[in-house]
């Protein structure tokens, strides 16, 4: 399974908050700070299992007639389902060629109705807890900012896992699954 983020929302409000937090007024560091915010969003998603900000995401997996759980959560909608072959050419599937089950918790399962399956399936999704930075729950937003600030201060010495104070902000949102 591969997952690729195709588009995300505007992070400029987050950049303004982070610069205020760090006491930075220059614009020369904006690109680096925006990248650190992006890393904070990714760390938040990895820790919680939820996509914090609205994004367009593609999940590619083996085609199957068995129910397969999509990784991304919470899913607002599935915009397309396509088959892709070895040459990476895609064929859109009609609604009657697959089954999709969206759950109330934002998860989804997908299965194809026909076979044989010698290809992969690509699902394009619209997902995210909040439409934009301003509507992100406070604990997630502050955790992302603190993680970006932590990366900025610690540089190469920063640990991959969030510090305990940041994890505490994200823990109420964490989704755990039994394997």
N, C-alpha and C. Protein backbone atom coordinates (compact mmCIF):
# COMPACT_ATOMS: atom_id res chain seq x y z
N UNK A 1 0.84 -1.17 0.00
CA UNK A 1 0.00 0.00 0.00
C UNK A 1 0.88 1.23 0.00
N UNK A 2 0.56 2.16 -0.86
CA UNK A 2 1.24 3.45 -0.84
C UNK A 2 0.20 4.54 -0.64
N UNK A 3 0.64 5.61 -0.04
CA UNK A 3 -0.23 6.75 0.27
C UNK A 3 0.50 8.02 -0.12
N UNK A 4 -0.18 8.88 -0.86
CA UNK A 4 0.44 10.12 -1.31
C UNK A 4 -0.53 11.28 -1.08
N UNK A 5 -0.03 12.34 -0.45
CA UNK A 5 -0.82 13.55 -0.25
C UNK A 5 -0.69 14.39 -1.50
N UNK A 6 -1.82 14.64 -2.17
CA UNK A 6 -1.81 15.41 -3.41
C UNK A 6 -1.95 16.91 -3.17
N UNK A 7 -2.73 17.29 -2.17
CA UNK A 7 -2.95 18.71 -1.89
C UNK A 7 -3.30 18.88 -0.42
N UNK A 8 -2.84 19.97 0.15
CA UNK A 8 -3.17 20.31 1.54
C UNK A 8 -3.64 21.75 1.59
N UNK A 9 -4.13 22.14 2.75
CA UNK A 9 -4.61 23.50 2.93
C UNK A 9 -3.49 24.50 3.11
N UNK A 10 -3.88 25.74 3.30
CA UNK A 10 -2.96 26.86 3.48
C UNK A 10 -2.38 26.85 4.89
N UNK A 11 -1.06 26.82 4.98
CA UNK A 11 -0.38 26.81 6.28
C UNK A 11 0.12 28.19 6.70
N UNK A 12 -0.23 29.25 5.95
CA UNK A 12 0.27 30.58 6.31
C UNK A 12 -0.25 31.05 7.68
N UNK A 13 -1.49 30.73 8.10
CA UNK A 13 -1.86 31.11 9.47
C UNK A 13 -1.01 30.39 10.52
N UNK A 14 -0.65 29.15 10.26
CA UNK A 14 0.21 28.40 11.18
C UNK A 14 1.60 29.02 11.21
N UNK A 15 2.09 29.46 10.06
CA UNK A 15 3.40 30.10 9.99
C UNK A 15 3.41 31.37 10.83
N UNK A 16 2.35 32.17 10.73
CA UNK A 16 2.28 33.40 11.53
C UNK A 16 2.30 33.08 13.02
N UNK A 17 1.56 32.04 13.44
CA UNK A 17 1.55 31.66 14.86
C UNK A 17 2.92 31.17 15.32
N UNK A 18 3.56 30.35 14.48
CA UNK A 18 4.87 29.81 14.85
C UNK A 18 5.91 30.93 14.95
N UNK A 19 5.89 31.85 14.00
CA UNK A 19 6.85 32.96 14.05
C UNK A 19 6.62 33.81 15.30
N UNK A 20 5.36 34.04 15.67
CA UNK A 20 5.06 34.79 16.89
C UNK A 20 5.59 34.03 18.11
N UNK A 21 5.35 32.72 18.14
CA UNK A 21 5.79 31.86 19.25
C UNK A 21 7.31 31.91 19.41
N UNK A 22 8.03 31.86 18.27
CA UNK A 22 9.49 31.84 18.30
C UNK A 22 10.11 33.24 18.35
N UNK A 23 9.29 34.27 18.19
CA UNK A 23 9.81 35.64 18.19
C UNK A 23 10.60 35.97 16.93
N UNK A 24 10.20 35.41 15.81
CA UNK A 24 10.88 35.64 14.52
C UNK A 24 10.06 36.64 13.72
N UNK A 25 10.72 37.67 13.20
CA UNK A 25 10.03 38.67 12.40
C UNK A 25 10.48 38.66 10.94
N UNK A 26 11.62 38.07 10.66
CA UNK A 26 12.15 38.05 9.29
C UNK A 26 11.38 37.04 8.42
N UNK A 27 11.35 37.31 7.14
CA UNK A 27 10.69 36.39 6.21
C UNK A 27 11.68 35.40 5.58
N UNK A 28 12.96 35.57 5.83
CA UNK A 28 13.97 34.73 5.20
C UNK A 28 13.83 33.26 5.62
N UNK A 29 13.29 33.01 6.80
CA UNK A 29 13.15 31.64 7.31
C UNK A 29 11.78 31.03 7.04
N UNK A 30 10.92 31.71 6.31
CA UNK A 30 9.54 31.25 6.13
C UNK A 30 9.46 29.86 5.48
N UNK A 31 10.25 29.61 4.47
CA UNK A 31 10.19 28.30 3.79
C UNK A 31 10.58 27.18 4.75
N UNK A 32 11.65 27.38 5.52
CA UNK A 32 12.09 26.36 6.47
C UNK A 32 11.04 26.16 7.57
N UNK A 33 10.47 27.24 8.08
CA UNK A 33 9.47 27.12 9.14
C UNK A 33 8.20 26.45 8.63
N UNK A 34 7.81 26.75 7.39
CA UNK A 34 6.64 26.08 6.80
C UNK A 34 6.90 24.59 6.66
N UNK A 35 8.10 24.22 6.27
CA UNK A 35 8.46 22.80 6.17
C UNK A 35 8.39 22.13 7.55
N UNK A 36 8.81 22.84 8.59
CA UNK A 36 8.74 22.29 9.94
C UNK A 36 7.29 22.13 10.40
N UNK A 37 6.43 23.04 10.01
CA UNK A 37 5.00 22.89 10.31
C UNK A 37 4.45 21.67 9.59
N UNK A 38 4.85 21.49 8.33
CA UNK A 38 4.45 20.29 7.59
C UNK A 38 4.90 19.02 8.29
N UNK A 39 6.12 19.03 8.83
CA UNK A 39 6.63 17.88 9.59
C UNK A 39 5.80 17.68 10.85
N UNK A 40 5.37 18.77 11.46
CA UNK A 40 4.52 18.69 12.65
C UNK A 40 3.16 18.08 12.32
N UNK A 41 2.60 18.46 11.19
CA UNK A 41 1.33 17.89 10.75
C UNK A 41 1.49 16.39 10.51
N UNK A 42 2.59 16.00 9.85
CA UNK A 42 2.85 14.58 9.59
C UNK A 42 3.05 13.81 10.90
N UNK A 43 3.77 14.39 11.85
CA UNK A 43 3.99 13.73 13.13
C UNK A 43 2.67 13.57 13.89
N UNK A 44 1.84 14.59 13.83
CA UNK A 44 0.52 14.53 14.47
C UNK A 44 -0.31 13.41 13.86
N UNK A 45 -0.28 13.31 12.55
CA UNK A 45 -1.04 12.26 11.87
C UNK A 45 -0.50 10.87 12.22
N UNK A 46 0.81 10.74 12.25
CA UNK A 46 1.41 9.45 12.60
C UNK A 46 1.06 9.06 14.03
N UNK A 47 1.05 10.01 14.95
CA UNK A 47 0.77 9.72 16.35
C UNK A 47 -0.71 9.42 16.59
N UNK A 48 -1.59 10.23 16.00
CA UNK A 48 -3.02 10.10 16.28
C UNK A 48 -3.72 9.09 15.37
N UNK A 49 -3.18 8.88 14.16
CA UNK A 49 -3.88 8.04 13.19
C UNK A 49 -4.96 8.79 12.45
N UNK A 50 -4.98 10.11 12.59
CA UNK A 50 -5.99 10.96 11.96
C UNK A 50 -5.30 12.03 11.12
N UNK A 51 -5.90 12.35 9.97
CA UNK A 51 -5.41 13.45 9.14
C UNK A 51 -5.95 14.74 9.75
N UNK A 52 -5.07 15.61 10.29
CA UNK A 52 -5.59 16.78 11.02
C UNK A 52 -6.24 17.83 10.12
N UNK A 53 -5.59 18.17 9.01
CA UNK A 53 -6.09 19.23 8.13
C UNK A 53 -6.60 18.65 6.82
N UNK A 54 -7.59 19.32 6.24
CA UNK A 54 -8.17 18.86 4.98
C UNK A 54 -7.08 18.65 3.94
N UNK A 55 -7.17 17.52 3.26
CA UNK A 55 -6.17 17.17 2.25
C UNK A 55 -6.80 16.25 1.23
N UNK A 56 -6.23 16.25 0.04
CA UNK A 56 -6.58 15.28 -1.00
C UNK A 56 -5.49 14.23 -1.00
N UNK A 57 -5.88 12.98 -0.86
CA UNK A 57 -4.92 11.88 -0.67
C UNK A 57 -5.25 10.75 -1.62
N UNK A 58 -4.21 10.11 -2.14
CA UNK A 58 -4.37 8.90 -2.94
C UNK A 58 -3.81 7.71 -2.19
N UNK A 59 -4.60 6.65 -2.10
CA UNK A 59 -4.13 5.38 -1.54
C UNK A 59 -4.11 4.36 -2.66
N UNK A 60 -2.98 3.71 -2.85
CA UNK A 60 -2.83 2.68 -3.87
C UNK A 60 -2.58 1.35 -3.18
N UNK A 61 -3.34 0.33 -3.56
CA UNK A 61 -3.22 -0.98 -2.95
C UNK A 61 -3.56 -2.05 -3.98
N UNK A 62 -3.27 -3.30 -3.63
CA UNK A 62 -3.62 -4.40 -4.52
C UNK A 62 -5.13 -4.46 -4.67
N UNK A 63 -5.57 -4.71 -5.90
CA UNK A 63 -6.99 -4.86 -6.16
C UNK A 63 -7.47 -6.17 -5.56
N UNK A 64 -8.68 -6.17 -4.99
CA UNK A 64 -9.19 -7.37 -4.34
C UNK A 64 -10.71 -7.32 -4.25
N UNK A 65 -11.33 -8.50 -4.22
CA UNK A 65 -12.77 -8.56 -3.99
C UNK A 65 -13.08 -8.67 -2.49
N UNK A 66 -12.04 -8.73 -1.66
CA UNK A 66 -12.20 -8.75 -0.20
C UNK A 66 -12.28 -7.31 0.31
N UNK A 67 -13.01 -7.13 1.40
CA UNK A 67 -13.06 -5.80 2.02
C UNK A 67 -11.66 -5.42 2.50
N UNK A 68 -11.21 -4.23 2.13
CA UNK A 68 -9.91 -3.72 2.51
C UNK A 68 -10.10 -2.36 3.18
N UNK A 69 -9.55 -2.22 4.38
CA UNK A 69 -9.68 -0.95 5.10
C UNK A 69 -8.69 0.08 4.55
N UNK A 70 -9.18 1.27 4.24
CA UNK A 70 -8.31 2.37 3.83
C UNK A 70 -7.62 2.92 5.08
N UNK A 71 -6.40 3.38 4.93
CA UNK A 71 -5.60 3.84 6.06
C UNK A 71 -6.01 5.23 6.52
N UNK A 72 -6.30 6.10 5.61
CA UNK A 72 -6.60 7.51 5.90
C UNK A 72 -7.89 7.63 6.70
N UNK A 73 -7.86 8.53 7.70
CA UNK A 73 -9.03 8.84 8.51
C UNK A 73 -8.97 10.28 8.96
N UNK A 74 -10.01 10.99 9.16
CA UNK A 74 -11.36 10.70 8.75
C UNK A 74 -11.58 11.08 7.28
N UNK A 75 -12.28 10.25 6.60
CA UNK A 75 -12.56 10.46 5.17
C UNK A 75 -13.88 11.20 5.04
N UNK A 76 -13.87 12.30 4.32
CA UNK A 76 -15.09 13.05 4.05
C UNK A 76 -15.79 12.46 2.83
N UNK A 77 -15.00 12.13 1.81
CA UNK A 77 -15.56 11.51 0.61
C UNK A 77 -14.47 10.84 -0.21
N UNK A 78 -14.89 9.86 -0.98
CA UNK A 78 -14.00 9.21 -1.95
C UNK A 78 -14.39 9.81 -3.29
N UNK A 79 -13.45 10.49 -3.93
CA UNK A 79 -13.76 11.20 -5.17
C UNK A 79 -13.60 10.34 -6.41
N UNK A 80 -12.72 9.32 -6.36
CA UNK A 80 -12.58 8.42 -7.50
C UNK A 80 -11.93 7.12 -7.07
N UNK A 81 -12.24 6.07 -7.83
CA UNK A 81 -11.61 4.77 -7.66
C UNK A 81 -11.19 4.34 -9.06
N UNK A 82 -9.89 4.03 -9.21
CA UNK A 82 -9.34 3.68 -10.52
C UNK A 82 -8.49 2.42 -10.42
N UNK A 83 -8.44 1.67 -11.51
CA UNK A 83 -7.50 0.57 -11.63
C UNK A 83 -6.26 1.11 -12.32
N UNK A 84 -5.10 0.63 -11.92
CA UNK A 84 -3.86 1.02 -12.57
C UNK A 84 -3.10 -0.26 -12.95
N UNK A 85 -2.49 -0.25 -14.13
CA UNK A 85 -1.78 -1.45 -14.59
C UNK A 85 -0.27 -1.26 -14.42
N UNK A 86 0.49 -2.22 -14.94
CA UNK A 86 1.96 -2.20 -14.79
C UNK A 86 2.59 -0.97 -15.44
N UNK A 87 1.95 -0.42 -16.45
CA UNK A 87 2.48 0.78 -17.12
C UNK A 87 1.98 2.07 -16.48
N UNK A 88 1.26 1.94 -15.37
CA UNK A 88 0.73 3.08 -14.60
C UNK A 88 -0.38 3.82 -15.31
N UNK A 89 -1.00 3.21 -16.32
CA UNK A 89 -2.17 3.84 -16.93
C UNK A 89 -3.38 3.51 -16.07
N UNK A 90 -4.27 4.47 -15.94
CA UNK A 90 -5.41 4.33 -15.04
C UNK A 90 -6.72 4.23 -15.81
N UNK A 91 -7.62 3.45 -15.23
CA UNK A 91 -8.97 3.29 -15.77
C UNK A 91 -9.95 3.55 -14.64
N UNK A 92 -10.81 4.54 -14.83
CA UNK A 92 -11.79 4.86 -13.79
C UNK A 92 -12.82 3.75 -13.68
N UNK A 93 -13.21 3.44 -12.46
CA UNK A 93 -14.24 2.43 -12.23
C UNK A 93 -15.59 3.12 -12.03
N UNK A 94 -16.61 2.52 -12.60
CA UNK A 94 -17.97 3.02 -12.41
C UNK A 94 -18.44 2.64 -11.00
N UNK A 95 -19.46 3.32 -10.52
CA UNK A 95 -19.97 3.07 -9.17
C UNK A 95 -20.41 1.62 -8.97
N UNK A 96 -20.87 0.94 -10.02
CA UNK A 96 -21.33 -0.44 -9.88
C UNK A 96 -20.19 -1.47 -9.96
N UNK A 97 -18.94 -1.01 -10.05
CA UNK A 97 -17.80 -1.92 -10.13
C UNK A 97 -17.06 -2.09 -8.80
N UNK A 98 -17.50 -1.36 -7.79
CA UNK A 98 -16.88 -1.49 -6.47
C UNK A 98 -17.91 -1.19 -5.39
N UNK A 99 -17.61 -1.64 -4.19
CA UNK A 99 -18.42 -1.34 -3.01
C UNK A 99 -17.57 -0.50 -2.07
N UNK A 100 -18.19 0.48 -1.45
CA UNK A 100 -17.51 1.36 -0.53
C UNK A 100 -18.36 1.48 0.72
N UNK A 101 -17.75 1.28 1.87
CA UNK A 101 -18.46 1.43 3.14
C UNK A 101 -17.76 2.51 3.95
N UNK A 102 -18.44 3.65 4.13
CA UNK A 102 -17.93 4.73 4.99
C UNK A 102 -18.57 4.58 6.36
N UNK A 103 -17.74 4.53 7.40
CA UNK A 103 -18.23 4.37 8.77
C UNK A 103 -18.40 5.74 9.42
N UNK A 104 -19.16 5.76 10.48
CA UNK A 104 -19.39 7.00 11.22
C UNK A 104 -18.14 7.56 11.86
N UNK A 105 -17.13 6.72 12.09
CA UNK A 105 -15.89 7.19 12.70
C UNK A 105 -14.90 7.75 11.68
N UNK A 106 -15.31 7.83 10.41
CA UNK A 106 -14.45 8.40 9.38
C UNK A 106 -13.59 7.40 8.66
N UNK A 107 -13.68 6.13 9.03
CA UNK A 107 -12.92 5.11 8.31
C UNK A 107 -13.73 4.61 7.12
N UNK A 108 -13.05 3.89 6.23
CA UNK A 108 -13.74 3.36 5.05
C UNK A 108 -13.14 2.01 4.66
N UNK A 109 -13.97 1.20 4.04
CA UNK A 109 -13.54 -0.07 3.48
C UNK A 109 -13.97 -0.11 2.02
N UNK A 110 -13.16 -0.76 1.21
CA UNK A 110 -13.38 -0.81 -0.23
C UNK A 110 -13.18 -2.23 -0.72
N UNK A 111 -14.01 -2.65 -1.68
CA UNK A 111 -13.79 -3.92 -2.37
C UNK A 111 -14.28 -3.78 -3.79
N UNK A 112 -13.63 -4.50 -4.68
CA UNK A 112 -14.01 -4.51 -6.09
C UNK A 112 -14.98 -5.65 -6.34
N UNK A 113 -15.85 -5.48 -7.29
CA UNK A 113 -16.87 -6.50 -7.57
C UNK A 113 -16.45 -7.49 -8.65
N UNK A 114 -15.44 -7.15 -9.44
CA UNK A 114 -15.08 -8.05 -10.54
C UNK A 114 -13.62 -8.45 -10.46
N UNK A 115 -13.23 -9.46 -11.16
CA UNK A 115 -11.86 -9.95 -11.19
C UNK A 115 -11.59 -10.55 -12.55
N UNK A 116 -10.50 -11.20 -12.84
CA UNK A 116 -9.39 -11.41 -11.92
C UNK A 116 -8.61 -10.13 -11.68
N UNK A 117 -7.90 -10.09 -10.56
CA UNK A 117 -7.23 -8.87 -10.15
C UNK A 117 -5.73 -8.98 -10.40
N UNK A 118 -5.30 -8.45 -11.51
CA UNK A 118 -3.88 -8.44 -11.84
C UNK A 118 -3.33 -7.02 -11.81
N UNK A 119 -4.09 -6.15 -11.20
CA UNK A 119 -3.69 -4.74 -11.16
C UNK A 119 -3.82 -4.22 -9.74
N UNK A 120 -3.66 -2.92 -9.61
CA UNK A 120 -3.80 -2.24 -8.32
C UNK A 120 -4.96 -1.26 -8.43
N UNK A 121 -5.47 -0.88 -7.29
CA UNK A 121 -6.57 0.07 -7.24
C UNK A 121 -6.08 1.35 -6.56
N UNK A 122 -6.50 2.50 -7.10
CA UNK A 122 -6.14 3.80 -6.55
C UNK A 122 -7.43 4.50 -6.12
N UNK A 123 -7.52 4.81 -4.83
CA UNK A 123 -8.66 5.55 -4.30
C UNK A 123 -8.20 6.97 -3.99
N UNK A 124 -8.90 7.95 -4.54
CA UNK A 124 -8.61 9.35 -4.27
C UNK A 124 -9.63 9.85 -3.25
N UNK A 125 -9.13 10.43 -2.15
CA UNK A 125 -9.96 10.77 -1.01
C UNK A 125 -9.85 12.24 -0.63
N UNK A 126 -10.91 12.75 -0.08
CA UNK A 126 -10.89 14.04 0.60
C UNK A 126 -11.01 13.70 2.08
N UNK A 127 -10.03 14.12 2.88
CA UNK A 127 -10.02 13.73 4.28
C UNK A 127 -9.52 14.88 5.15
N UNK A 128 -9.76 14.77 6.44
CA UNK A 128 -9.25 15.74 7.40
C UNK A 128 -10.25 16.07 8.49
N UNK A 129 -9.73 16.30 9.70
CA UNK A 129 -10.58 16.70 10.82
C UNK A 129 -11.10 18.12 10.68
N UNK A 130 -10.26 19.01 10.17
CA UNK A 130 -10.63 20.43 10.08
C UNK A 130 -10.40 20.94 8.67
N UNK A 131 -11.26 21.84 8.23
CA UNK A 131 -11.14 22.41 6.90
C UNK A 131 -9.92 23.32 6.76
N UNK A 132 -9.53 23.97 7.85
CA UNK A 132 -8.38 24.88 7.79
C UNK A 132 -7.76 24.99 9.18
N UNK A 133 -6.65 25.72 9.26
CA UNK A 133 -5.89 25.85 10.50
C UNK A 133 -6.73 26.42 11.63
N UNK A 134 -7.56 27.40 11.35
CA UNK A 134 -8.35 28.07 12.39
C UNK A 134 -9.36 27.12 13.04
N UNK A 135 -9.81 26.11 12.32
CA UNK A 135 -10.82 25.20 12.85
C UNK A 135 -10.24 23.91 13.42
N UNK A 136 -8.93 23.80 13.46
CA UNK A 136 -8.27 22.63 14.03
C UNK A 136 -8.44 22.67 15.55
N UNK A 137 -8.79 21.55 16.18
CA UNK A 137 -8.92 21.56 17.65
C UNK A 137 -7.64 22.07 18.31
N UNK A 138 -7.80 22.80 19.40
CA UNK A 138 -6.69 23.47 20.07
C UNK A 138 -5.54 22.53 20.42
N UNK A 139 -5.82 21.36 20.97
CA UNK A 139 -4.76 20.44 21.37
C UNK A 139 -3.91 20.01 20.19
N UNK A 140 -4.55 19.72 19.07
CA UNK A 140 -3.80 19.32 17.87
C UNK A 140 -2.99 20.50 17.33
N UNK A 141 -3.63 21.66 17.26
CA UNK A 141 -2.96 22.86 16.72
C UNK A 141 -1.75 23.23 17.57
N UNK A 142 -1.91 23.28 18.88
CA UNK A 142 -0.79 23.65 19.75
C UNK A 142 0.31 22.59 19.71
N UNK A 143 -0.07 21.33 19.61
CA UNK A 143 0.93 20.27 19.51
C UNK A 143 1.75 20.37 18.24
N UNK A 144 1.09 20.70 17.13
CA UNK A 144 1.80 20.86 15.85
C UNK A 144 2.77 22.04 15.94
N UNK A 145 2.31 23.15 16.50
CA UNK A 145 3.19 24.32 16.66
C UNK A 145 4.37 24.01 17.57
N UNK A 146 4.10 23.36 18.67
CA UNK A 146 5.19 23.03 19.60
C UNK A 146 6.18 22.05 18.98
N UNK A 147 5.67 21.10 18.18
CA UNK A 147 6.57 20.15 17.54
C UNK A 147 7.45 20.88 16.52
N UNK A 148 6.86 21.80 15.75
CA UNK A 148 7.65 22.58 14.77
C UNK A 148 8.70 23.43 15.50
N UNK A 149 8.31 24.04 16.61
CA UNK A 149 9.26 24.84 17.39
C UNK A 149 10.37 23.95 17.96
N UNK A 150 10.01 22.76 18.42
CA UNK A 150 10.98 21.80 18.94
C UNK A 150 11.98 21.42 17.85
N UNK A 151 11.49 21.13 16.65
CA UNK A 151 12.39 20.80 15.54
C UNK A 151 13.29 21.98 15.19
N UNK A 152 12.74 23.18 15.24
CA UNK A 152 13.53 24.38 14.93
C UNK A 152 14.65 24.57 15.95
N UNK A 153 14.35 24.40 17.22
CA UNK A 153 15.35 24.60 18.27
C UNK A 153 16.38 23.48 18.31
N UNK A 154 15.94 22.24 18.19
CA UNK A 154 16.83 21.10 18.36
C UNK A 154 17.59 20.73 17.08
N UNK A 155 17.06 21.08 15.92
CA UNK A 155 17.72 20.77 14.65
C UNK A 155 17.97 19.29 14.49
N UNK A 156 19.20 18.91 14.15
CA UNK A 156 19.56 17.52 13.91
C UNK A 156 19.44 16.65 15.15
N UNK A 157 19.49 17.24 16.33
CA UNK A 157 19.42 16.47 17.58
C UNK A 157 17.99 16.10 17.97
N UNK A 158 16.99 16.57 17.23
CA UNK A 158 15.60 16.31 17.56
C UNK A 158 15.26 14.83 17.39
N UNK A 159 14.50 14.31 18.32
CA UNK A 159 14.05 12.91 18.25
C UNK A 159 12.88 12.82 17.27
N UNK A 160 12.70 11.67 16.69
CA UNK A 160 11.61 11.47 15.73
C UNK A 160 10.25 11.45 16.43
N UNK A 161 10.22 10.94 17.64
CA UNK A 161 8.98 10.88 18.42
C UNK A 161 8.73 12.22 19.09
N UNK A 162 7.46 12.59 19.23
CA UNK A 162 7.18 13.86 19.91
C UNK A 162 7.53 13.79 21.39
N UNK A 163 8.03 14.88 21.96
CA UNK A 163 8.28 14.92 23.41
C UNK A 163 6.97 14.68 24.17
N UNK A 164 7.09 14.31 25.43
CA UNK A 164 5.93 13.94 26.25
C UNK A 164 4.87 15.04 26.33
N UNK A 165 5.30 16.30 26.42
CA UNK A 165 4.34 17.40 26.52
C UNK A 165 3.49 17.52 25.26
N UNK A 166 4.08 17.24 24.11
CA UNK A 166 3.34 17.29 22.84
C UNK A 166 2.45 16.07 22.71
N UNK A 167 2.98 14.91 23.06
CA UNK A 167 2.19 13.68 23.02
C UNK A 167 0.95 13.80 23.91
N UNK A 168 1.09 14.49 25.03
CA UNK A 168 -0.05 14.68 25.94
C UNK A 168 -1.15 15.51 25.28
N UNK A 169 -0.78 16.46 24.44
CA UNK A 169 -1.78 17.26 23.73
C UNK A 169 -2.51 16.44 22.67
N UNK A 170 -1.80 15.51 22.06
CA UNK A 170 -2.38 14.70 20.97
C UNK A 170 -3.08 13.43 21.46
N UNK A 171 -2.72 12.94 22.64
CA UNK A 171 -3.22 11.65 23.12
C UNK A 171 -4.75 11.54 23.11
N UNK A 172 -5.52 12.56 23.48
CA UNK A 172 -6.99 12.41 23.45
C UNK A 172 -7.54 12.12 22.04
N UNK A 173 -6.78 12.44 21.02
CA UNK A 173 -7.22 12.24 19.65
C UNK A 173 -6.70 10.94 19.05
N UNK A 174 -5.87 10.24 19.77
CA UNK A 174 -5.21 9.05 19.25
C UNK A 174 -6.22 7.93 19.00
N UNK A 175 -6.13 7.33 17.82
CA UNK A 175 -6.99 6.20 17.44
C UNK A 175 -6.13 4.95 17.48
N UNK A 176 -6.53 4.01 18.30
CA UNK A 176 -5.81 2.74 18.40
C UNK A 176 -6.67 1.64 17.82
N UNK A 177 -6.01 0.70 17.14
CA UNK A 177 -6.72 -0.44 16.56
C UNK A 177 -6.05 -1.72 17.03
N UNK A 178 -6.85 -2.72 17.27
CA UNK A 178 -6.31 -4.03 17.58
C UNK A 178 -5.94 -4.70 16.27
N UNK A 179 -4.77 -5.31 16.24
CA UNK A 179 -4.31 -5.95 15.00
C UNK A 179 -4.91 -7.33 14.86
